[in-house]
Structures are given as structure tokens and as C-alpha cells.
Amino acid sequence: MKKFSKSFKVIFVLLILIIPALSGCGGGAMYWYHPNKDMQTIKKDKYECEAAAARYSADMGKAGKEEVISKRLKECMELLGYTYIEESRIPKGAARIE
């Protein structure tokens, strides 16, 4: 019985350490970033992508469906050359938007 108890403790500790790492907990804030665009352009692009994503969601009969809107927003921003990355990976002082 003692051996089972020690094994259980080891597994429990490993799960405590591994699950947060796999789920991305503790990561920094995430931002849309483009190395060659200023803040005004970034805001305009994000606004246009959000509007297009909302229209797409409504056209699909899923108005307001967060999964549909988020996926379409991501696709739109990436087509414009943006990356969605942690703040720590963005050059200091560079324009970015949540």
C-alpha cells in the first residue's frame, strides 16, 4: 500500500507541473503585431477585420457566435500579415493591439 501511495504522489506532482504548461497558463498578454504598420493602421485593420468577421458570422446564420467570429478575425488579420504573439516577443515600443 505504501508503494501505491508514493506512486500516486509522484503522478499528482507531475500533473500539477505539466497541466499548466500545456494549457498555456502563466503566459504573457497576447497582441496582434505587424512590424511595418503604425498604431493608426493597426487599429483600422483590426476594426475592419472585426466588422468582416461579424458580417460573416451573421451571413452563416450564427450571428454573435464567438468561435466563428474569433476564427474569422484571426484569418483576416493573418492575411494582412499580422501575428498574434506574446508581448515579450514584440520589440520594445512597437505598435500592437489586443
Foldseek 3Di string as FASTA:
>chain_A
DVVVVVVVVVVVVVCVVPVCVVVVPPAADKWKADQPDAQVVQVVQLVVQLVVQQVVCVVVVNHPPVVSSVVSSVVSSVVVPIDIDHPVPDPPPGHIGD
